[in-house]
All heavy atoms as atom14 arrays in JSON, in Angstrom:
{
  "sequence": "FVENVFSLPVDLPFSGYRKGIRAREILQKGLEKAIREKLQNAH",
  "atom14_mask": [
    [1, 1, 1, 1, 1, 1, 1, 1, 1, 1, 1, 0, 0, 0],
    [1, 1, 1, 1, 1, 1, 1, 0, 0, 0, 0, 0, 0, 0],
    [1, 1, 1, 1, 1, 1, 1, 1, 1, 0, 0, 0, 0, 0],
    [1, 1, 1, 1, 1, 1, 1, 1, 0, 0, 0, 0, 0, 0],
    [1, 1, 1, 1, 1, 1, 1, 0, 0, 0, 0, 0, 0, 0],
    [1, 1, 1, 1, 1, 1, 1, 1, 1, 1, 1, 0, 0, 0],
    [1, 1, 1, 1, 1, 1, 0, 0, 0, 0, 0, 0, 0, 0],
    [1, 1, 1, 1, 1, 1, 1, 1, 0, 0, 0, 0, 0, 0],
    [1, 1, 1, 1, 1, 1, 1, 0, 0, 0, 0, 0, 0, 0],
    [1, 1, 1, 1, 1, 1, 1, 0, 0, 0, 0, 0, 0, 0],
    [1, 1, 1, 1, 1, 1, 1, 1, 0, 0, 0, 0, 0, 0],
    [1, 1, 1, 1, 1, 1, 1, 1, 0, 0, 0, 0, 0, 0],
    [1, 1, 1, 1, 1, 1, 1, 0, 0, 0, 0, 0, 0, 0],
    [1, 1, 1, 1, 1, 1, 1, 1, 1, 1, 1, 0, 0, 0],
    [1, 1, 1, 1, 1, 1, 0, 0, 0, 0, 0, 0, 0, 0],
    [1, 1, 1, 1, 0, 0, 0, 0, 0, 0, 0, 0, 0, 0],
    [1, 1, 1, 1, 1, 1, 1, 1, 1, 1, 1, 1, 0, 0],
    [1, 1, 1, 1, 1, 1, 1, 1, 1, 1, 1, 0, 0, 0],
    [1, 1, 1, 1, 1, 1, 1, 1, 1, 0, 0, 0, 0, 0],
    [1, 1, 1, 1, 0, 0, 0, 0, 0, 0, 0, 0, 0, 0],
    [1, 1, 1, 1, 1, 1, 1, 1, 0, 0, 0, 0, 0, 0],
    [1, 1, 1, 1, 1, 1, 1, 1, 1, 1, 1, 0, 0, 0],
    [1, 1, 1, 1, 1, 0, 0, 0, 0, 0, 0, 0, 0, 0],
    [1, 1, 1, 1, 1, 1, 1, 1, 1, 1, 1, 0, 0, 0],
    [1, 1, 1, 1, 1, 1, 1, 1, 1, 0, 0, 0, 0, 0],
    [1, 1, 1, 1, 1, 1, 1, 1, 0, 0, 0, 0, 0, 0],
    [1, 1, 1, 1, 1, 1, 1, 1, 0, 0, 0, 0, 0, 0],
    [1, 1, 1, 1, 1, 1, 1, 1, 1, 0, 0, 0, 0, 0],
    [1, 1, 1, 1, 1, 1, 1, 1, 1, 0, 0, 0, 0, 0],
    [1, 1, 1, 1, 0, 0, 0, 0, 0, 0, 0, 0, 0, 0],
    [1, 1, 1, 1, 1, 1, 1, 1, 0, 0, 0, 0, 0, 0],
    [1, 1, 1, 1, 1, 1, 1, 1, 1, 0, 0, 0, 0, 0],
    [1, 1, 1, 1, 1, 1, 1, 1, 1, 0, 0, 0, 0, 0],
    [1, 1, 1, 1, 1, 0, 0, 0, 0, 0, 0, 0, 0, 0],
    [1, 1, 1, 1, 1, 1, 1, 1, 0, 0, 0, 0, 0, 0],
    [1, 1, 1, 1, 1, 1, 1, 1, 1, 1, 1, 0, 0, 0],
    [1, 1, 1, 1, 1, 1, 1, 1, 1, 0, 0, 0, 0, 0],
    [1, 1, 1, 1, 1, 1, 1, 1, 1, 0, 0, 0, 0, 0],
    [1, 1, 1, 1, 1, 1, 1, 1, 0, 0, 0, 0, 0, 0],
    [1, 1, 1, 1, 1, 1, 1, 1, 1, 0, 0, 0, 0, 0],
    [1, 1, 1, 1, 1, 1, 1, 1, 0, 0, 0, 0, 0, 0],
    [1, 1, 1, 1, 1, 0, 0, 0, 0, 0, 0, 0, 0, 0],
    [1, 1, 1, 1, 1, 1, 1, 1, 1, 1, 0, 0, 0, 0]
  ],
  "atom14_positions": [
    [[0.83, -1.21, 0.0], [0.0, 0.0, 0.0], [0.87, 1.26, 0.0], [0.66, 2.18, -0.79], [-0.92, -0.02, 1.22], [-1.61, 1.29, 1.49], [-2.61, 1.76, 0.67], [-1.24, 2.08, 2.57], [-3.25, 2.97, 0.9], [-1.86, 3.29, 2.83], [-2.87, 3.73, 1.99], [0.0, 0.0, 0.0], [0.0, 0.0, 0.0], [0.0, 0.0, 0.0]],
    [[1.87, 1.3, 0.89], [2.72, 2.48, 1.01], [3.53, 2.71, -0.26], [3.7, 3.85, -0.71], [3.67, 2.33, 2.23], [4.73, 3.41, 2.22], [2.88, 2.39, 3.52], [0.0, 0.0, 0.0], [0.0, 0.0, 0.0], [0.0, 0.0, 0.0], [0.0, 0.0, 0.0], [0.0, 0.0, 0.0], [0.0, 0.0, 0.0], [0.0, 0.0, 0.0]],
    [[4.01, 1.64, -0.87], [4.81, 1.77, -2.09], [4.01, 2.39, -3.23], [4.59, 2.99, -4.14], [5.31, 0.38, -2.53], [6.42, -0.16, -1.64], [6.74, -1.62, -1.94], [6.11, -2.18, -2.88], [7.6, -2.21, -1.24], [0.0, 0.0, 0.0], [0.0, 0.0, 0.0], [0.0, 0.0, 0.0], [0.0, 0.0, 0.0], [0.0, 0.0, 0.0]],
    [[2.68, 2.3, -3.17], [1.85, 2.79, -4.27], [0.92, 3.93, -3.87], [0.07, 4.34, -4.66], [1.01, 1.64, -4.82], [1.86, 0.55, -5.44], [2.4, 0.71, -6.53], [2.0, -0.57, -4.74], [0.0, 0.0, 0.0], [0.0, 0.0, 0.0], [0.0, 0.0, 0.0], [0.0, 0.0, 0.0], [0.0, 0.0, 0.0], [0.0, 0.0, 0.0]],
    [[1.1, 4.45, -2.64], [0.13, 5.42, -2.13], [0.11, 6.72, -2.94], [-0.92, 7.38, -3.04], [0.4, 5.71, -0.63], [1.64, 6.53, -0.43], [-0.8, 6.4, 0.01], [0.0, 0.0, 0.0], [0.0, 0.0, 0.0], [0.0, 0.0, 0.0], [0.0, 0.0, 0.0], [0.0, 0.0, 0.0], [0.0, 0.0, 0.0], [0.0, 0.0, 0.0]],
    [[1.22, 7.09, -3.56], [1.25, 8.32, -4.35], [1.39, 8.03, -5.84], [1.95, 8.82, -6.59], [2.39, 9.22, -3.87], [2.23, 9.66, -2.44], [3.2, 9.36, -1.49], [1.1, 10.34, -2.04], [3.04, 9.76, -0.18], [0.94, 10.73, -0.72], [1.91, 10.45, 0.22], [0.0, 0.0, 0.0], [0.0, 0.0, 0.0], [0.0, 0.0, 0.0]],
    [[0.88, 6.88, -6.27], [0.93, 6.53, -7.68], [0.05, 7.47, -8.5], [-0.93, 8.04, -7.99], [0.45, 5.09, -7.89], [1.26, 4.18, -7.2], [0.0, 0.0, 0.0], [0.0, 0.0, 0.0], [0.0, 0.0, 0.0], [0.0, 0.0, 0.0], [0.0, 0.0, 0.0], [0.0, 0.0, 0.0], [0.0, 0.0, 0.0], [0.0, 0.0, 0.0]],
    [[0.36, 7.6, -9.78], [-0.5, 8.36, -10.67], [-1.87, 7.68, -10.72], [-1.96, 6.45, -10.81], [0.09, 8.41, -12.08], [1.37, 9.24, -12.24], [1.95, 9.06, -13.64], [1.08, 10.71, -11.97], [0.0, 0.0, 0.0], [0.0, 0.0, 0.0], [0.0, 0.0, 0.0], [0.0, 0.0, 0.0], [0.0, 0.0, 0.0], [0.0, 0.0, 0.0]],
    [[-2.96, 8.45, -10.67], [-4.31, 7.86, -10.62], [-4.74, 7.31, -11.97], [-5.71, 7.76, -12.58], [-5.17, 9.04, -10.18], [-4.46, 10.24, -10.68], [-3.0, 9.92, -10.57], [0.0, 0.0, 0.0], [0.0, 0.0, 0.0], [0.0, 0.0, 0.0], [0.0, 0.0, 0.0], [0.0, 0.0, 0.0], [0.0, 0.0, 0.0], [0.0, 0.0, 0.0]],
    [[-4.02, 6.31, -12.44], [-4.33, 5.64, -13.71], [-4.8, 4.23, -13.37], [-4.0, 3.37, -13.01], [-3.1, 5.59, -14.64], [-3.45, 4.87, -15.94], [-2.58, 7.0, -14.91], [0.0, 0.0, 0.0], [0.0, 0.0, 0.0], [0.0, 0.0, 0.0], [0.0, 0.0, 0.0], [0.0, 0.0, 0.0], [0.0, 0.0, 0.0], [0.0, 0.0, 0.0]],
    [[-6.11, 4.01, -13.48], [-6.69, 2.75, -13.02], [-6.65, 1.71, -14.14], [-7.65, 1.46, -14.82], [-8.13, 2.98, -12.55], [-8.67, 1.79, -11.79], [-7.89, 0.87, -11.51], [-9.88, 1.79, -11.48], [0.0, 0.0, 0.0], [0.0, 0.0, 0.0], [0.0, 0.0, 0.0], [0.0, 0.0, 0.0], [0.0, 0.0, 0.0], [0.0, 0.0, 0.0]],
    [[-5.47, 1.12, -14.32], [-5.27, 0.08, -15.31], [-4.76, -1.18, -14.62], [-4.13, -1.1, -13.56], [-4.25, 0.53, -16.37], [-4.66, 1.71, -17.27], [-3.48, 2.14, -18.13], [-5.85, 1.33, -18.14], [0.0, 0.0, 0.0], [0.0, 0.0, 0.0], [0.0, 0.0, 0.0], [0.0, 0.0, 0.0], [0.0, 0.0, 0.0], [0.0, 0.0, 0.0]],
    [[-5.02, -2.37, -15.2], [-4.5, -3.6, -14.61], [-2.99, -3.53, -14.44], [-2.28, -3.02, -15.31], [-4.89, -4.67, -15.63], [-6.07, -4.1, -16.35], [-5.82, -2.61, -16.42], [0.0, 0.0, 0.0], [0.0, 0.0, 0.0], [0.0, 0.0, 0.0], [0.0, 0.0, 0.0], [0.0, 0.0, 0.0], [0.0, 0.0, 0.0], [0.0, 0.0, 0.0]],
    [[-2.49, -4.0, -13.31], [-1.07, -4.06, -12.98], [-0.43, -2.68, -12.75], [0.78, -2.59, -12.57], [-0.28, -4.81, -14.07], [-0.86, -6.14, -14.42], [-1.45, -6.36, -15.66], [-0.85, -7.17, -13.5], [-2.01, -7.59, -15.97], [-1.39, -8.4, -13.8], [-1.98, -8.62, -15.04], [0.0, 0.0, 0.0], [0.0, 0.0, 0.0], [0.0, 0.0, 0.0]],
    [[-1.23, -1.61, -12.75], [-0.68, -0.29, -12.44], [-0.45, -0.18, -10.94], [-1.05, -0.9, -10.14], [-1.64, 0.81, -12.9], [-2.83, 0.78, -12.12], [0.0, 0.0, 0.0], [0.0, 0.0, 0.0], [0.0, 0.0, 0.0], [0.0, 0.0, 0.0], [0.0, 0.0, 0.0], [0.0, 0.0, 0.0], [0.0, 0.0, 0.0], [0.0, 0.0, 0.0]],
    [[0.45, 0.74, -10.54], [0.69, 0.96, -9.13], [-0.57, 1.4, -8.4], [-0.82, 1.01, -7.26], [0.0, 0.0, 0.0], [0.0, 0.0, 0.0], [0.0, 0.0, 0.0], [0.0, 0.0, 0.0], [0.0, 0.0, 0.0], [0.0, 0.0, 0.0], [0.0, 0.0, 0.0], [0.0, 0.0, 0.0], [0.0, 0.0, 0.0], [0.0, 0.0, 0.0]],
    [[-1.4, 2.19, -9.1], [-2.64, 2.67, -8.5], [-3.56, 1.5, -8.18], [-4.13, 1.41, -7.08], [-3.33, 3.63, -9.47], [-4.59, 4.25, -8.95], [-4.55, 5.31, -8.05], [-5.84, 3.79, -9.37], [-5.71, 5.9, -7.57], [-7.01, 4.37, -8.9], [-6.94, 5.42, -8.0], [-8.1, 5.99, -7.53], [0.0, 0.0, 0.0], [0.0, 0.0, 0.0]],
    [[-3.72, 0.56, -9.16], [-4.58, -0.6, -8.94], [-4.03, -1.49, -7.81], [-4.79, -1.98, -6.98], [-4.7, -1.4, -10.23], [-5.59, -2.63, -10.15], [-7.07, -2.27, -10.09], [-7.52, -1.65, -11.31], [-7.94, -2.31, -12.41], [-7.93, -3.63, -12.41], [-8.36, -1.65, -13.46], [0.0, 0.0, 0.0], [0.0, 0.0, 0.0], [0.0, 0.0, 0.0]],
    [[-2.71, -1.67, -7.77], [-2.1, -2.46, -6.7], [-2.34, -1.81, -5.34], [-2.62, -2.5, -4.34], [-0.6, -2.61, -6.94], [-0.24, -3.49, -8.13], [1.27, -3.53, -8.33], [1.65, -4.35, -9.55], [3.12, -4.31, -9.79], [0.0, 0.0, 0.0], [0.0, 0.0, 0.0], [0.0, 0.0, 0.0], [0.0, 0.0, 0.0], [0.0, 0.0, 0.0]],
    [[-2.23, -0.49, -5.3], [-2.45, 0.22, -4.05], [-3.88, 0.12, -3.58], [-4.16, -0.05, -2.38], [0.0, 0.0, 0.0], [0.0, 0.0, 0.0], [0.0, 0.0, 0.0], [0.0, 0.0, 0.0], [0.0, 0.0, 0.0], [0.0, 0.0, 0.0], [0.0, 0.0, 0.0], [0.0, 0.0, 0.0], [0.0, 0.0, 0.0], [0.0, 0.0, 0.0]],
    [[-4.84, 0.24, -4.53], [-6.25, 0.11, -4.19], [-6.54, -1.28, -3.62], [-7.22, -1.43, -2.6], [-7.13, 0.35, -5.44], [-7.09, 1.85, -5.84], [-8.57, -0.1, -5.2], [-7.82, 2.76, -4.89], [0.0, 0.0, 0.0], [0.0, 0.0, 0.0], [0.0, 0.0, 0.0], [0.0, 0.0, 0.0], [0.0, 0.0, 0.0], [0.0, 0.0, 0.0]],
    [[-6.0, -2.3, -4.27], [-6.22, -3.67, -3.81], [-5.62, -3.88, -2.42], [-6.24, -4.49, -1.54], [-5.6, -4.66, -4.81], [-6.01, -6.12, -4.55], [-5.39, -7.05, -5.58], [-5.76, -6.69, -6.93], [-4.91, -6.25, -7.85], [-3.63, -6.11, -7.56], [-5.32, -5.95, -9.06], [0.0, 0.0, 0.0], [0.0, 0.0, 0.0], [0.0, 0.0, 0.0]],
    [[-4.41, -3.35, -2.22], [-3.76, -3.48, -0.91], [-4.56, -2.76, 0.16], [-4.72, -3.26, 1.29], [-2.34, -2.95, -0.97], [0.0, 0.0, 0.0], [0.0, 0.0, 0.0], [0.0, 0.0, 0.0], [0.0, 0.0, 0.0], [0.0, 0.0, 0.0], [0.0, 0.0, 0.0], [0.0, 0.0, 0.0], [0.0, 0.0, 0.0], [0.0, 0.0, 0.0]],
    [[-5.07, -1.58, -0.17], [-5.86, -0.82, 0.81], [-7.12, -1.58, 1.21], [-7.5, -1.62, 2.38], [-6.23, 0.55, 0.24], [-6.95, 1.46, 1.25], [-7.54, 2.68, 0.6], [-8.58, 2.32, -0.35], [-9.25, 3.21, -1.08], [-8.96, 4.49, -0.99], [-10.19, 2.81, -1.93], [0.0, 0.0, 0.0], [0.0, 0.0, 0.0], [0.0, 0.0, 0.0]],
    [[-7.78, -2.2, 0.23], [-9.0, -2.94, 0.53], [-8.73, -4.11, 1.47], [-9.47, -4.34, 2.43], [-9.63, -3.44, -0.79], [-10.2, -2.32, -1.65], [-10.63, -2.81, -3.03], [-10.33, -3.98, -3.36], [-11.27, -2.03, -3.76], [0.0, 0.0, 0.0], [0.0, 0.0, 0.0], [0.0, 0.0, 0.0], [0.0, 0.0, 0.0], [0.0, 0.0, 0.0]],
    [[-7.64, -4.85, 1.19], [-7.28, -5.98, 2.05], [-6.91, -5.48, 3.44], [-7.31, -6.05, 4.46], [-6.1, -6.76, 1.44], [-6.49, -7.38, 0.1], [-5.6, -7.84, 2.4], [-5.33, -7.99, -0.66], [0.0, 0.0, 0.0], [0.0, 0.0, 0.0], [0.0, 0.0, 0.0], [0.0, 0.0, 0.0], [0.0, 0.0, 0.0], [0.0, 0.0, 0.0]],
    [[-6.14, -4.38, 3.48], [-5.69, -3.82, 4.75], [-6.87, -3.35, 5.59], [-6.93, -3.62, 6.8], [-4.74, -2.65, 4.46], [-3.98, -2.04, 5.63], [-3.08, -3.09, 6.29], [-3.12, -0.88, 5.14], [0.0, 0.0, 0.0], [0.0, 0.0, 0.0], [0.0, 0.0, 0.0], [0.0, 0.0, 0.0], [0.0, 0.0, 0.0], [0.0, 0.0, 0.0]],
    [[-7.83, -2.68, 4.95], [-8.95, -2.16, 5.71], [-9.85, -3.27, 6.24], [-10.46, -3.13, 7.3], [-9.74, -1.17, 4.86], [-8.98, 0.14, 4.61], [-9.89, 1.31, 4.35], [-11.03, 1.15, 3.96], [-9.37, 2.51, 4.55], [0.0, 0.0, 0.0], [0.0, 0.0, 0.0], [0.0, 0.0, 0.0], [0.0, 0.0, 0.0], [0.0, 0.0, 0.0]],
    [[-9.93, -4.38, 5.53], [-10.68, -5.53, 6.05], [-10.03, -6.05, 7.33], [-10.71, -6.35, 8.32], [-10.74, -6.64, 5.0], [-11.72, -6.38, 3.87], [-11.75, -7.54, 2.88], [-12.71, -7.27, 1.73], [-12.71, -8.37, 0.73], [0.0, 0.0, 0.0], [0.0, 0.0, 0.0], [0.0, 0.0, 0.0], [0.0, 0.0, 0.0], [0.0, 0.0, 0.0]],
    [[-8.71, -6.17, 7.3], [-7.99, -6.62, 8.49], [-8.12, -5.65, 9.64], [-8.28, -6.05, 10.8], [0.0, 0.0, 0.0], [0.0, 0.0, 0.0], [0.0, 0.0, 0.0], [0.0, 0.0, 0.0], [0.0, 0.0, 0.0], [0.0, 0.0, 0.0], [0.0, 0.0, 0.0], [0.0, 0.0, 0.0], [0.0, 0.0, 0.0], [0.0, 0.0, 0.0]],
    [[-8.06, -4.35, 9.32], [-8.18, -3.34, 10.37], [-9.58, -3.31, 10.96], [-9.75, -3.15, 12.17], [-7.82, -1.95, 9.8], [-6.35, -1.74, 9.44], [-6.15, -0.38, 8.77], [-5.45, -1.85, 10.66], [0.0, 0.0, 0.0], [0.0, 0.0, 0.0], [0.0, 0.0, 0.0], [0.0, 0.0, 0.0], [0.0, 0.0, 0.0], [0.0, 0.0, 0.0]],
    [[-10.58, -3.49, 10.12], [-11.95, -3.5, 10.62], [-12.16, -4.67, 11.59], [-12.79, -4.51, 12.64], [-12.95, -3.6, 9.46], [-14.4, -3.59, 9.95], [-15.41, -3.44, 8.82], [-15.02, -3.03, 7.71], [-16.61, -3.72, 9.07], [0.0, 0.0, 0.0], [0.0, 0.0, 0.0], [0.0, 0.0, 0.0], [0.0, 0.0, 0.0], [0.0, 0.0, 0.0]],
    [[-11.63, -5.82, 11.24], [-11.73, -6.98, 12.13], [-11.06, -6.68, 13.47], [-11.62, -6.96, 14.54], [-11.07, -8.19, 11.47], [-11.05, -9.44, 12.34], [-10.26, -10.57, 11.69], [-10.12, -11.77, 12.62], [-9.25, -12.82, 12.04], [0.0, 0.0, 0.0], [0.0, 0.0, 0.0], [0.0, 0.0, 0.0], [0.0, 0.0, 0.0], [0.0, 0.0, 0.0]],
    [[-9.85, -6.06, 13.42], [-9.11, -5.74, 14.64], [-9.85, -4.69, 15.48], [-9.89, -4.78, 16.71], [-7.71, -5.26, 14.3], [0.0, 0.0, 0.0], [0.0, 0.0, 0.0], [0.0, 0.0, 0.0], [0.0, 0.0, 0.0], [0.0, 0.0, 0.0], [0.0, 0.0, 0.0], [0.0, 0.0, 0.0], [0.0, 0.0, 0.0], [0.0, 0.0, 0.0]],
    [[-10.45, -3.72, 14.81], [-11.19, -2.67, 15.53], [-12.41, -3.25, 16.23], [-12.69, -2.94, 17.4], [-11.61, -1.54, 14.55], [-10.38, -0.77, 14.07], [-12.6, -0.59, 15.22], [-10.65, 0.19, 12.92], [0.0, 0.0, 0.0], [0.0, 0.0, 0.0], [0.0, 0.0, 0.0], [0.0, 0.0, 0.0], [0.0, 0.0, 0.0], [0.0, 0.0, 0.0]],
    [[-13.14, -4.11, 15.54], [-14.35, -4.72, 16.14], [-13.97, -5.57, 17.36], [-14.65, -5.54, 18.39], [-15.1, -5.55, 15.11], [-15.72, -4.7, 14.0], [-16.71, -5.48, 13.14], [-17.21, -4.67, 12.05], [-18.14, -3.74, 12.15], [-18.7, -3.49, 13.34], [-18.54, -3.05, 11.1], [0.0, 0.0, 0.0], [0.0, 0.0, 0.0], [0.0, 0.0, 0.0]],
    [[-12.89, -6.34, 17.24], [-12.43, -7.15, 18.37], [-12.0, -6.26, 19.53], [-12.26, -6.58, 20.7], [-11.28, -8.05, 17.92], [-11.71, -9.17, 16.99], [-10.54, -10.0, 16.5], [-9.37, -9.62, 16.78], [-10.78, -11.03, 15.83], [0.0, 0.0, 0.0], [0.0, 0.0, 0.0], [0.0, 0.0, 0.0], [0.0, 0.0, 0.0], [0.0, 0.0, 0.0]],
    [[-11.37, -5.15, 19.2], [-10.92, -4.21, 20.24], [-12.12, -3.61, 20.98], [-12.11, -3.5, 22.2], [-10.07, -3.1, 19.6], [-9.6, -2.02, 20.55], [-8.9, -0.93, 19.76], [-8.52, 0.23, 20.66], [-7.41, -0.12, 21.57], [0.0, 0.0, 0.0], [0.0, 0.0, 0.0], [0.0, 0.0, 0.0], [0.0, 0.0, 0.0], [0.0, 0.0, 0.0]],
    [[-13.15, -3.21, 20.22], [-14.32, -2.6, 20.83], [-15.07, -3.6, 21.71], [-15.62, -3.23, 22.75], [-15.26, -2.06, 19.73], [-14.71, -0.9, 18.91], [-15.67, -0.52, 17.79], [-14.43, 0.32, 19.79], [0.0, 0.0, 0.0], [0.0, 0.0, 0.0], [0.0, 0.0, 0.0], [0.0, 0.0, 0.0], [0.0, 0.0, 0.0], [0.0, 0.0, 0.0]],
    [[-15.05, -4.87, 21.33], [-15.71, -5.9, 22.13], [-14.98, -6.17, 23.44], [-15.58, -6.58, 24.43], [-15.81, -7.2, 21.33], [-16.79, -7.14, 20.16], [-16.74, -8.38, 19.3], [-15.97, -9.3, 19.54], [-17.55, -8.39, 18.24], [0.0, 0.0, 0.0], [0.0, 0.0, 0.0], [0.0, 0.0, 0.0], [0.0, 0.0, 0.0], [0.0, 0.0, 0.0]],
    [[-13.67, -5.93, 23.45], [-12.85, -6.19, 24.64], [-12.37, -4.9, 25.3], [-11.32, -4.87, 25.91], [-11.65, -7.06, 24.27], [-12.06, -8.4, 23.71], [-12.7, -9.19, 24.38], [-11.69, -8.67, 22.46], [0.0, 0.0, 0.0], [0.0, 0.0, 0.0], [0.0, 0.0, 0.0], [0.0, 0.0, 0.0], [0.0, 0.0, 0.0], [0.0, 0.0, 0.0]],
    [[-13.16, -3.83, 25.14], [-12.74, -2.51, 25.63], [-12.51, -2.49, 27.13], [-11.71, -1.7, 27.64], [-13.79, -1.46, 25.25], [0.0, 0.0, 0.0], [0.0, 0.0, 0.0], [0.0, 0.0, 0.0], [0.0, 0.0, 0.0], [0.0, 0.0, 0.0], [0.0, 0.0, 0.0], [0.0, 0.0, 0.0], [0.0, 0.0, 0.0], [0.0, 0.0, 0.0]],
    [[-13.19, -3.37, 27.87], [-13.06, -3.38, 29.34], [-11.75, -4.01, 29.79], [-11.26, -3.74, 30.89], [-14.21, -4.18, 29.95], [-14.26, -5.6, 29.49], [-14.76, -5.96, 28.24], [-13.86, -6.75, 30.09], [-14.67, -7.28, 28.1], [-14.13, -7.78, 29.21], [0.0, 0.0, 0.0], [0.0, 0.0, 0.0], [0.0, 0.0, 0.0], [0.0, 0.0, 0.0]]
  ]
}
């Protein structure tokens, strides 16, 4: 994600932008899971 965060916004297959978008989506799924678990165990 970091390697492609400032890529040119050209949404083509195998472009840095597309790789960054895909990485962000995977990352945010993992973060959402961690956030929900954290909120459940807040005490």
